PDB file of N, CA and C in Angstrom:
ATOM      1  N   MET A   1     -74.668-118.192 -46.445  1.00  0.00           N
ATOM      2  CA  MET A   1     -73.933-119.222 -46.126  1.00  0.00           C
ATOM      3  C   MET A   1     -73.062-119.635 -46.774  1.00  0.00           C
ATOM      4  N   VAL A   2     -73.501-119.336 -48.367  1.00  0.00           N
ATOM      5  CA  VAL A   2     -72.216-119.684 -49.350  1.00  0.00           C
ATOM      6  C   VAL A   2     -71.096-118.925 -49.244  1.00  0.00           C
ATOM      7  N   LYS A   3     -71.321-117.714 -49.134  1.00  0.00           N
ATOM      8  CA  LYS A   3     -70.298-116.419 -49.047  1.00  0.00           C
ATOM      9  C   LYS A   3     -69.401-116.797 -47.445  1.00  0.00           C
ATOM     10  N   ARG A   4     -70.134-117.113 -46.728  1.00  0.00           N
ATOM     11  CA  ARG A   4     -69.190-117.599 -45.321  1.00  0.00           C
ATOM     12  C   ARG A   4     -68.153-118.859 -45.863  1.00  0.00           C
ATOM     13  N   HIS A   5     -69.151-119.714 -46.197  1.00  0.00           N
ATOM     14  CA  HIS A   5     -68.019-120.857 -46.990  1.00  0.00           C
ATOM     15  C   HIS A   5     -66.958-120.667 -47.814  1.00  0.00           C
ATOM     16  N   LYS A   6     -67.219-119.581 -48.336  1.00  0.00           N
ATOM     17  CA  LYS A   6     -66.113-119.574 -49.799  1.00  0.00           C
ATOM     18  C   LYS A   6     -65.366-118.563 -49.057  1.00  0.00           C
ATOM     19  N   ARG A   7     -65.546-117.715 -48.329  1.00  0.00           N
ATOM     20  CA  ARG A   7     -64.426-116.810 -47.508  1.00  0.00           C
ATOM     21  C   ARG A   7     -63.642-117.946 -46.360  1.00  0.00           C
ATOM     22  N   SER A   8     -64.173-118.426 -45.977  1.00  0.00           N
ATOM     23  CA  SER A   8     -63.709-119.631 -44.815  1.00  0.00           C
ATOM     24  C   SER A   8     -62.512-120.569 -45.648  1.00  0.00           C
ATOM     25  N   SER A   9     -63.025-121.064 -47.044  1.00  0.00           N
ATOM     26  CA  SER A   9     -62.275-121.901 -47.715  1.00  0.00           C
ATOM     27  C   SER A   9     -61.032-121.090 -48.449  1.00  0.00           C
ATOM     28  N   LEU A  10     -61.438-119.887 -48.684  1.00  0.00           N
ATOM     29  CA  LEU A  10     -60.275-119.019 -49.386  1.00  0.00           C
ATOM     30  C   LEU A  10     -59.133-118.642 -48.385  1.00  0.00           C
ATOM     31  N   ALA A  11     -59.881-118.346 -47.129  1.00  0.00           N
ATOM     32  CA  ALA A  11     -58.567-118.279 -45.887  1.00  0.00           C
ATOM     33  C   ALA A  11     -58.146-119.253 -45.672  1.00  0.00           C
ATOM     34  N   ARG A  12     -58.539-120.622 -45.624  1.00  0.00           N
ATOM     35  CA  ARG A  12     -58.015-121.898 -45.412  1.00  0.00           C
ATOM     36  C   ARG A  12     -56.469-122.266 -46.599  1.00  0.00           C
ATOM     37  N   LEU A  13     -57.185-121.867 -48.105  1.00  0.00           N
ATOM     38  CA  LEU A  13     -56.228-122.035 -48.917  1.00  0.00           C
ATOM     39  C   LEU A  13     -55.028-121.148 -49.125  1.00  0.00           C
ATOM     40  N   ALA A  14     -55.245-119.730 -48.359  1.00  0.00           N
ATOM     41  CA  ALA A  14     -54.115-119.269 -48.503  1.00  0.00           C
ATOM     42  C   ALA A  14     -53.274-119.445 -47.198  1.00  0.00           C
ATOM     43  N   SER A  15     -53.927-120.146 -46.052  1.00  0.00           N
ATOM     44  CA  SER A  15     -52.999-120.789 -45.141  1.00  0.00           C
ATOM     45  C   SER A  15     -51.930-121.944 -45.687  1.00  0.00           C
ATOM     46  N   MET A  16     -52.557-122.495 -46.211  1.00  0.00           N
ATOM     47  CA  MET A  16     -52.046-123.698 -47.053  1.00  0.00           C
ATOM     48  C   MET A  16     -51.170-122.943 -47.834  1.00  0.00           C
ATOM     49  N   ALA A  17     -51.570-122.136 -48.923  1.00  0.00           N
ATOM     50  CA  ALA A  17     -50.516-121.801 -49.708  1.00  0.00           C
ATOM     51  C   ALA A  17     -49.161-121.130 -48.804  1.00  0.00           C
ATOM     52  N   ASP A  18     -49.436-120.322 -47.784  1.00  0.00           N
ATOM     53  CA  ASP A  18     -48.318-119.353 -47.259  1.00  0.00           C
ATOM     54  C   ASP A  18     -47.525-121.009 -46.804  1.00  0.00           C
ATOM     55  N   LEU A  19     -47.939-121.709 -45.995  1.00  0.00           N
ATOM     56  CA  LEU A  19     -47.193-122.909 -45.494  1.00  0.00           C
ATOM     57  C   LEU A  19     -46.267-123.415 -46.644  1.00  0.00           C
ATOM     58  N   VAL A  20     -46.989-123.860 -47.926  1.00  0.00           N
ATOM     59  CA  VAL A  20     -45.982-124.301 -48.902  1.00  0.00           C
ATOM     60  C   VAL A  20     -44.977-123.194 -49.094  1.00  0.00           C
ATOM     61  N   ARG A  21     -45.092-122.530 -49.260  1.00  0.00           N
ATOM     62  CA  ARG A  21     -44.194-121.150 -49.704  1.00  0.00           C
ATOM     63  C   ARG A  21     -43.130-121.123 -48.846  1.00  0.00           C
ATOM     64  N   ARG A  22     -43.487-121.475 -47.618  1.00  0.00           N
ATOM     65  CA  ARG A  22     -42.353-121.108 -46.617  1.00  0.00           C
ATOM     66  C   ARG A  22     -41.622-122.342 -46.527  1.00  0.00           C
ATOM     67  N   HIS A  23     -42.166-123.654 -47.169  1.00  0.00           N
ATOM     68  CA  HIS A  23     -41.095-124.984 -47.318  1.00  0.00           C
ATOM     69  C   HIS A  23     -40.489-125.011 -48.792  1.00  0.00           C
ATOM     70  N   VAL A  24     -41.382-124.402 -49.605  1.00  0.00           N
ATOM     71  CA  VAL A  24     -40.584-124.531 -51.269  1.00  0.00           C
ATOM     72  C   VAL A  24     -40.997-122.991 -51.523  1.00  0.00           C
ATOM     73  N   PRO A  25     -40.109-122.238 -51.240  1.00  0.00           N
ATOM     74  CA  PRO A  25     -40.141-120.894 -51.843  1.00  0.00           C
ATOM     75  C   PRO A  25     -39.815-120.834 -53.072  1.00  0.00           C
ATOM     76  N   GLU A  26     -39.596-121.553 -53.716  1.00  0.00           N
ATOM     77  CA  GLU A  26     -39.276-121.443 -55.271  1.00  0.00           C
ATOM     78  C   GLU A  26     -40.400-121.632 -56.009  1.00  0.00           C
ATOM     79  N   ILE A  27     -41.549-121.907 -55.299  1.00  0.00           N
ATOM     80  CA  ILE A  27     -43.126-122.141 -55.862  1.00  0.00           C
ATOM     81  C   ILE A  27     -43.688-120.855 -56.053  1.00  0.00           C
ATOM     82  N   GLY A  28     -43.386-119.715 -55.324  1.00  0.00           N
ATOM     83  CA  GLY A  28     -43.660-118.321 -55.509  1.00  0.00           C
ATOM     84  C   GLY A  28     -45.111-118.371 -55.659  1.00  0.00           C
ATOM     85  N   ASP A  29     -45.813-117.555 -56.505  1.00  0.00           N
ATOM     86  CA  ASP A  29     -47.225-117.510 -56.801  1.00  0.00           C
ATOM     87  C   ASP A  29     -48.036-118.524 -56.978  1.00  0.00           C
ATOM     88  N   ASP A  30     -47.474-119.737 -57.536  1.00  0.00           N
ATOM     89  CA  ASP A  30     -47.997-120.785 -57.843  1.00  0.00           C
ATOM     90  C   ASP A  30     -48.439-121.697 -56.485  1.00  0.00           C
ATOM     91  N   ALA A  31     -48.325-120.868 -55.728  1.00  0.00           N
ATOM     92  CA  ALA A  31     -48.481-122.160 -54.281  1.00  0.00           C
ATOM     93  C   ALA A  31     -50.008-122.324 -54.342  1.00  0.00           C
ATOM     94  N   GLN A  32     -50.987-121.369 -54.302  1.00  0.00           N
ATOM     95  CA  GLN A  32     -52.144-121.430 -54.191  1.00  0.00           C
ATOM     96  C   GLN A  32     -52.838-122.323 -55.301  1.00  0.00           C
ATOM     97  N   LEU A  33     -52.289-122.316 -56.497  1.00  0.00           N
ATOM     98  CA  LEU A  33     -52.715-123.268 -57.442  1.00  0.00           C
ATOM     99  C   LEU A  33     -52.460-124.723 -57.203  1.00  0.00           C
ATOM    100  N   PHE A  34     -51.238-124.657 -56.761  1.00  0.00           N
ATOM    101  CA  PHE A  34     -50.562-126.125 -56.561  1.00  0.00           C
ATOM    102  C   PHE A  34     -51.641-126.540 -55.187  1.00  0.00           C
ATOM    103  N   CYS A  35     -51.834-125.761 -54.128  1.00  0.00           N
ATOM    104  CA  CYS A  35     -52.513-126.292 -53.045  1.00  0.00           C
ATOM    105  C   CYS A  35     -53.858-126.800 -53.222  1.00  0.00           C
ATOM    106  N   LEU A  36     -54.462-125.720 -54.298  1.00  0.00           N
ATOM    107  CA  LEU A  36     -56.087-125.823 -54.643  1.00  0.00           C
ATOM    108  C   LEU A  36     -55.871-127.512 -55.512  1.00  0.00           C
ATOM    109  N   MET A  37     -54.933-127.503 -56.631  1.00  0.00           N
ATOM    110  CA  MET A  37     -55.239-128.780 -57.281  1.00  0.00           C
ATOM    111  C   MET A  37     -54.699-129.940 -56.308  1.00  0.00           C
ATOM    112  N   SER A  38     -53.904-130.038 -55.293  1.00  0.00           N
ATOM    113  CA  SER A  38     -53.638-130.807 -54.500  1.00  0.00           C
ATOM    114  C   SER A  38     -54.991-131.289 -53.666  1.00  0.00           C
ATOM    115  N   LEU A  39     -55.820-130.270 -53.128  1.00  0.00           N
ATOM    116  CA  LEU A  39     -57.423-130.512 -52.483  1.00  0.00           C
ATOM    117  C   LEU A  39     -58.209-131.217 -53.504  1.00  0.00           C
ATOM    118  N   VAL A  40     -58.277-130.902 -54.877  1.00  0.00           N
ATOM    119  CA  VAL A  40     -59.076-131.222 -55.539  1.00  0.00           C
ATOM    120  C   VAL A  40     -58.689-132.705 -55.812  1.00  0.00           C
ATOM    121  N   SER A  41     -57.358-132.825 -55.922  1.00  0.00           N
ATOM    122  CA  SER A  41     -57.019-134.527 -56.220  1.00  0.00           C
ATOM    123  C   SER A  41     -57.561-135.323 -54.855  1.00  0.00           C
ATOM    124  N   ALA A  42     -56.954-134.476 -53.966  1.00  0.00           N
ATOM    125  CA  ALA A  42     -57.494-135.809 -52.730  1.00  0.00           C
ATOM    126  C   ALA A  42     -58.369-135.963 -52.618  1.00  0.00           C
ATOM    127  N   GLY A  43     -59.413-134.923 -52.844  1.00  0.00           N
ATOM    128  CA  GLY A  43     -60.956-135.486 -53.054  1.00  0.00           C
ATOM    129  C   GLY A  43     -61.536-136.512 -54.018  1.00  0.00           C
ATOM    130  N   ALA A  44     -60.872-136.442 -54.865  1.00  0.00           N
ATOM    131  CA  ALA A  44     -61.374-137.097 -56.232  1.00  0.00           C
ATOM    132  C   ALA A  44     -60.353-138.780 -55.910  1.00  0.00           C
ATOM    133  N   VAL A  45     -59.390-138.805 -55.608  1.00  0.00           N
ATOM    134  CA  VAL A  45     -58.925-139.830 -55.225  1.00  0.00           C
ATOM    135  C   VAL A  45     -59.389-140.709 -53.877  1.00  0.00           C
ATOM    136  N   SER A  46     -59.704-139.950 -53.089  1.00  0.00           N
ATOM    137  CA  SER A  46     -60.326-140.506 -51.731  1.00  0.00           C
ATOM    138  C   SER A  46     -61.789-141.180 -52.038  1.00  0.00           C
ATOM    139  N   ALA A  47     -62.233-140.910 -53.383  1.00  0.00           N
ATOM    140  CA  ALA A  47     -63.621-141.449 -53.650  1.00  0.00           C
ATOM    141  C   ALA A  47     -63.324-142.925 -54.211  1.00  0.00           C
ATOM    142  N   TYR A  48     -62.043-143.291 -54.591  1.00  0.00           N
ATOM    143  CA  TYR A  48     -61.972-144.661 -54.938  1.00  0.00           C
ATOM    144  C   TYR A  48     -61.411-145.553 -54.128  1.00  0.00           C
ATOM    145  N   THR A  49     -60.599-144.964 -53.166  1.00  0.00           N
ATOM    146  CA  THR A  49     -59.884-145.815 -51.822  1.00  0.00           C
ATOM    147  C   THR A  49     -60.870-145.542 -50.461  1.00  0.00           C
ATOM    148  N   PRO A  50     -60.914-146.767 -49.654  1.00  0.00           N
ATOM    149  CA  PRO A  50     -60.461-148.106 -50.170  1.00  0.00           C
ATOM    150  C   PRO A  50     -61.947-148.529 -51.139  1.00  0.00           C
ATOM    151  N   PRO A  51     -61.597-149.604 -52.420  1.00  0.00           N
ATOM    152  CA  PRO A  51     -62.785-149.603 -52.919  1.00  0.00           C
ATOM    153  C   PRO A  51     -63.692-150.561 -52.384  1.00  0.00           C
ATOM    154  N   PRO A  52     -64.988-150.449 -52.668  1.00  0.00           N
ATOM    155  CA  PRO A  52     -65.969-151.313 -52.195  1.00  0.00           C
ATOM    156  C   PRO A  52     -66.011-152.627 -52.051  1.00  0.00           C
ATOM    157  N   PRO A  53     -66.768-153.362 -51.322  1.00  0.00           N
ATOM    158  CA  PRO A  53     -66.321-154.810 -51.258  1.00  0.00           C
ATOM    159  C   PRO A  53     -66.609-155.700 -52.683  1.00  0.00           C
ATOM    160  N   SER A  54     -67.781-154.952 -53.539  1.00  0.00           N
ATOM    161  CA  SER A  54     -67.897-155.753 -54.698  1.00  0.00           C
ATOM    162  C   SER A  54     -66.724-155.679 -55.869  1.00  0.00           C
ATOM    163  N   ALA A  55     -66.178-154.585 -55.783  1.00  0.00           N
ATOM    164  CA  ALA A  55     -64.790-154.119 -56.369  1.00  0.00           C
ATOM    165  C   ALA A  55     -63.607-155.136 -55.835  1.00  0.00           C
ATOM    166  N   LEU A  56     -63.534-155.396 -54.847  1.00  0.00           N
ATOM    167  CA  LEU A  56     -62.448-156.095 -54.490  1.00  0.00           C
ATOM    168  C   LEU A  56     -62.613-157.651 -54.646  1.00  0.00           C
ATOM    169  N   ALA A  57     -64.147-158.283 -54.658  1.00  0.00           N
ATOM    170  CA  ALA A  57     -64.778-159.250 -54.991  1.00  0.00           C
ATOM    171  C   ALA A  57     -64.329-159.650 -56.585  1.00  0.00           C
ATOM    172  N   ALA A  58     -64.585-158.483 -57.411  1.00  0.00           N
ATOM    173  CA  ALA A  58     -64.395-158.364 -58.618  1.00  0.00           C
ATOM    174  C   ALA A  58     -62.636-158.687 -58.983  1.00  0.00           C
ATOM    175  N   TYR A  59     -61.857-157.910 -58.327  1.00  0.00           N
ATOM    176  CA  TYR A  59     -60.454-158.218 -58.550  1.00  0.00           C
ATOM    177  C   TYR A  59     -60.121-159.532 -58.253  1.00  0.00           C
ATOM    178  N   ALA A  60     -60.617-160.191 -57.062  1.00  0.00           N
ATOM    179  CA  ALA A  60     -60.040-161.570 -56.716  1.00  0.00           C
ATOM    180  C   ALA A  60     -60.707-162.165 -57.771  1.00  0.00           C
ATOM    181  N   ASP A  61     -61.616-162.097 -58.432  1.00  0.00           N
ATOM    182  CA  ASP A  61     -62.217-162.920 -59.480  1.00  0.00           C
ATOM    183  C   ASP A  61     -61.178-163.165 -60.690  1.00  0.00           C
ATOM    184  N   GLU A  62     -61.107-161.561 -61.374  1.00  0.00           N
ATOM    185  CA  GLU A  62     -60.392-161.612 -62.247  1.00  0.00           C
ATOM    186  C   GLU A  62     -59.256-160.387 -61.952  1.00  0.00           C
ATOM    187  N   PRO A  63     -58.272-160.653 -61.666  1.00  0.00           N
ATOM    188  CA  PRO A  63     -57.023-159.826 -61.247  1.00  0.00           C
ATOM    189  C   PRO A  63     -56.864-158.429 -62.076  1.00  0.00           C
ATOM    190  N   HIS A  64     -56.711-158.842 -63.505  1.00  0.00           N
ATOM    191  CA  HIS A  64     -56.521-157.945 -64.277  1.00  0.00           C
ATOM    192  C   HIS A  64     -57.636-156.916 -64.421  1.00  0.00           C
ATOM    193  N   LEU A  65     -58.626-156.876 -63.619  1.00  0.00           N
ATOM    194  CA  LEU A  65     -59.506-155.810 -63.281  1.00  0.00           C
ATOM    195  C   LEU A  65     -58.862-154.969 -62.352  1.00  0.00           C
ATOM    196  N   GLY A  66     -58.218-155.320 -61.907  1.00  0.00           N
ATOM    197  CA  GLY A  66     -57.650-154.546 -60.207  1.00  0.00           C
ATOM    198  C   GLY A  66     -56.282-153.829 -61.067  1.00  0.00           C
ATOM    199  N   VAL A  67     -56.330-153.544 -62.197  1.00  0.00           N
ATOM    200  CA  VAL A  67     -54.673-152.901 -62.542  1.00  0.00           C
ATOM    201  C   VAL A  67     -54.914-151.444 -62.040  1.00  0.00           C
ATOM    202  N   LEU A  68     -55.872-150.846 -61.822  1.00  0.00           N
ATOM    203  CA  LEU A  68     -55.948-149.250 -61.537  1.00  0.00           C
ATOM    204  C   LEU A  68     -56.253-149.268 -60.131  1.00  0.00           C
ATOM    205  N   HIS A  69     -56.106-150.209 -59.350  1.00  0.00           N
ATOM    206  CA  HIS A  69     -56.403-150.329 -57.846  1.00  0.00           C
ATOM    207  C   HIS A  69     -55.298-149.454 -57.131  1.00  0.00           C
ATOM    208  N   LEU A  70     -55.877-148.307 -56.867  1.00  0.00           N
ATOM    209  CA  LEU A  70     -55.390-147.163 -56.055  1.00  0.00           C
ATOM    210  C   LEU A  70     -55.153-147.219 -54.749  1.00  0.00           C
ATOM    211  N   ASP A  71     -53.976-147.366 -54.181  1.00  0.00           N
ATOM    212  CA  ASP A  71     -53.565-147.142 -52.660  1.00  0.00           C
ATOM    213  C   ASP A  71     -53.451-145.750 -52.614  1.00  0.00           C
ATOM    214  N   LEU A  72     -54.348-145.272 -51.490  1.00  0.00           N
ATOM    215  CA  LEU A  72     -54.745-143.683 -51.387  1.00  0.00           C
ATOM    216  C   LEU A  72     -53.270-143.039 -50.962  1.00  0.00           C
ATOM    217  N   ARG A  73     -52.358-143.443 -50.206  1.00  0.00           N
ATOM    218  CA  ARG A  73     -50.938-142.915 -49.940  1.00  0.00           C
ATOM    219  C   ARG A  73     -50.025-142.898 -50.955  1.00  0.00           C
ATOM    220  N   ASP A  74     -50.035-143.685 -51.686  1.00  0.00           N
ATOM    221  CA  ASP A  74     -49.275-143.749 -52.940  1.00  0.00           C
ATOM    222  C   ASP A  74     -50.138-142.666 -54.062  1.00  0.00           C
ATOM    223  N   ALA A  75     -51.335-142.830 -54.422  1.00  0.00           N
ATOM    224  CA  ALA A  75     -51.912-142.124 -55.488  1.00  0.00           C
ATOM    225  C   ALA A  75     -51.384-140.615 -55.055  1.00  0.00           C
ATOM    226  N   LEU A  76     -51.827-140.261 -53.832  1.00  0.00           N
ATOM    227  CA  LEU A  76     -51.503-138.678 -53.669  1.00  0.00           C
ATOM    228  C   LEU A  76     -50.414-138.441 -53.509  1.00  0.00           C
ATOM    229  N   ARG A  77     -49.493-139.304 -53.187  1.00  0.00           N
ATOM    230  CA  ARG A  77     -47.785-139.012 -53.912  1.00  0.00           C
ATOM    231  C   ARG A  77     -47.405-138.641 -55.158  1.00  0.00           C
ATOM    232  N   VAL A  78     -48.119-139.481 -55.891  1.00  0.00           N
ATOM    233  CA  VAL A  78     -47.689-139.336 -57.143  1.00  0.00           C
ATOM    234  C   VAL A  78     -48.584-137.870 -57.707  1.00  0.00           C
ATOM    235  N   SER A  79     -49.727-137.865 -57.190  1.00  0.00           N
ATOM    236  CA  SER A  79     -50.717-136.817 -57.715  1.00  0.00           C
ATOM    237  C   SER A  79     -49.985-135.424 -57.397  1.00  0.00           C
ATOM    238  N   PHE A  80     -49.661-135.385 -56.261  1.00  0.00           N
ATOM    239  CA  PHE A  80     -48.902-134.248 -55.352  1.00  0.00           C
ATOM    240  C   PHE A  80     -47.381-134.030 -55.930  1.00  0.00           C
ATOM    241  N   THR A  81     -46.659-134.726 -56.032  1.00  0.00           N
ATOM    242  CA  THR A  81     -45.144-134.839 -56.939  1.00  0.00           C
ATOM    243  C   THR A  81     -45.706-134.251 -58.564  1.00  0.00           C
ATOM    244  N   SER A  82     -46.565-134.983 -59.047  1.00  0.00           N
ATOM    245  CA  SER A  82     -46.838-134.426 -60.777  1.00  0.00           C
ATOM    246  C   SER A  82     -46.936-132.606 -60.405  1.00  0.00           C
ATOM    247  N   SER A  83     -48.129-132.653 -59.488  1.00  0.00           N
ATOM    248  CA  SER A  83     -48.692-131.073 -59.543  1.00  0.00           C
ATOM    249  C   SER A  83     -47.431-130.197 -59.428  1.00  0.00           C
ATOM    250  N   LEU A  84     -46.527-130.552 -58.366  1.00  0.00           N
ATOM    251  CA  LEU A  84     -45.479-129.760 -57.623  1.00  0.00           C
ATOM    252  C   LEU A  84     -44.520-129.578 -58.964  1.00  0.00           C
ATOM    253  N   LEU A  85     -44.191-130.461 -59.545  1.00  0.00           N
ATOM    254  CA  LEU A  85     -43.101-130.401 -60.574  1.00  0.00           C
ATOM    255  C   LEU A  85     -43.821-129.623 -61.806  1.00  0.00           C
ATOM    256  N   GLY A  86     -45.007-129.882 -62.013  1.00  0.00           N
ATOM    257  CA  GLY A  86     -45.590-128.777 -63.022  1.00  0.00           C
ATOM    258  C   GLY A  86     -45.738-127.155 -62.768  1.00  0.00           C
ATOM    259  N   VAL A  87     -45.564-126.737 -61.291  1.00  0.00           N
ATOM    260  CA  VAL A  87     -45.774-125.382 -61.308  1.00  0.00           C
ATOM    261  C   VAL A  87     -44.453-124.956 -60.887  1.00  0.00           C
ATOM    262  N   LEU A  88     -43.651-125.700 -60.706  1.00  0.00           N
ATOM    263  CA  LEU A  88     -42.250-125.240 -60.435  1.00  0.00           C
ATOM    264  C   LEU A  88     -41.507-124.515 -61.657  1.00  0.00           C
ATOM    265  N   PRO A  89     -41.079-123.302 -61.123  1.00  0.00           N
ATOM    266  CA  PRO A  89     -40.278-122.664 -62.184  1.00  0.00           C
ATOM    267  C   PRO A  89     -38.986-123.421 -62.997  1.00  0.00           C
ATOM    268  N   ARG A  90     -39.023-123.271 -64.252  1.00  0.00           N
ATOM    269  CA  ARG A  90     -37.789-124.107 -64.922  1.00  0.00           C
ATOM    270  C   ARG A  90     -36.671-122.892 -65.122  1.00  0.00           C
ATOM    271  N   ALA A  91     -35.514-123.475 -65.122  1.00  0.00           N
ATOM    272  CA  ALA A  91     -34.434-122.855 -65.068  1.00  0.00           C
ATOM    273  C   ALA A  91     -33.762-122.714 -66.570  1.00  0.00           C
TER     274      ALA A  91
END
């Protein structure tokens, strides 16, 4: 079961990397690393959005507590952009 899952995950990651390479050819061999980090980041960020009702109530009561409140789309855009810029070759 574990081996089948890992093979499937690696195949999907390879497909994702091929797609990224097709649209951002300069990424080269780092496409797979970028894709892996994107998947990991998406999983991590999604755990924080949307915040539970108790966190929203705390933010409403003390707005300064919500300083790191994340919008999923914005957080993923920043994460993916930062990761992509980190793996692109420098001239």
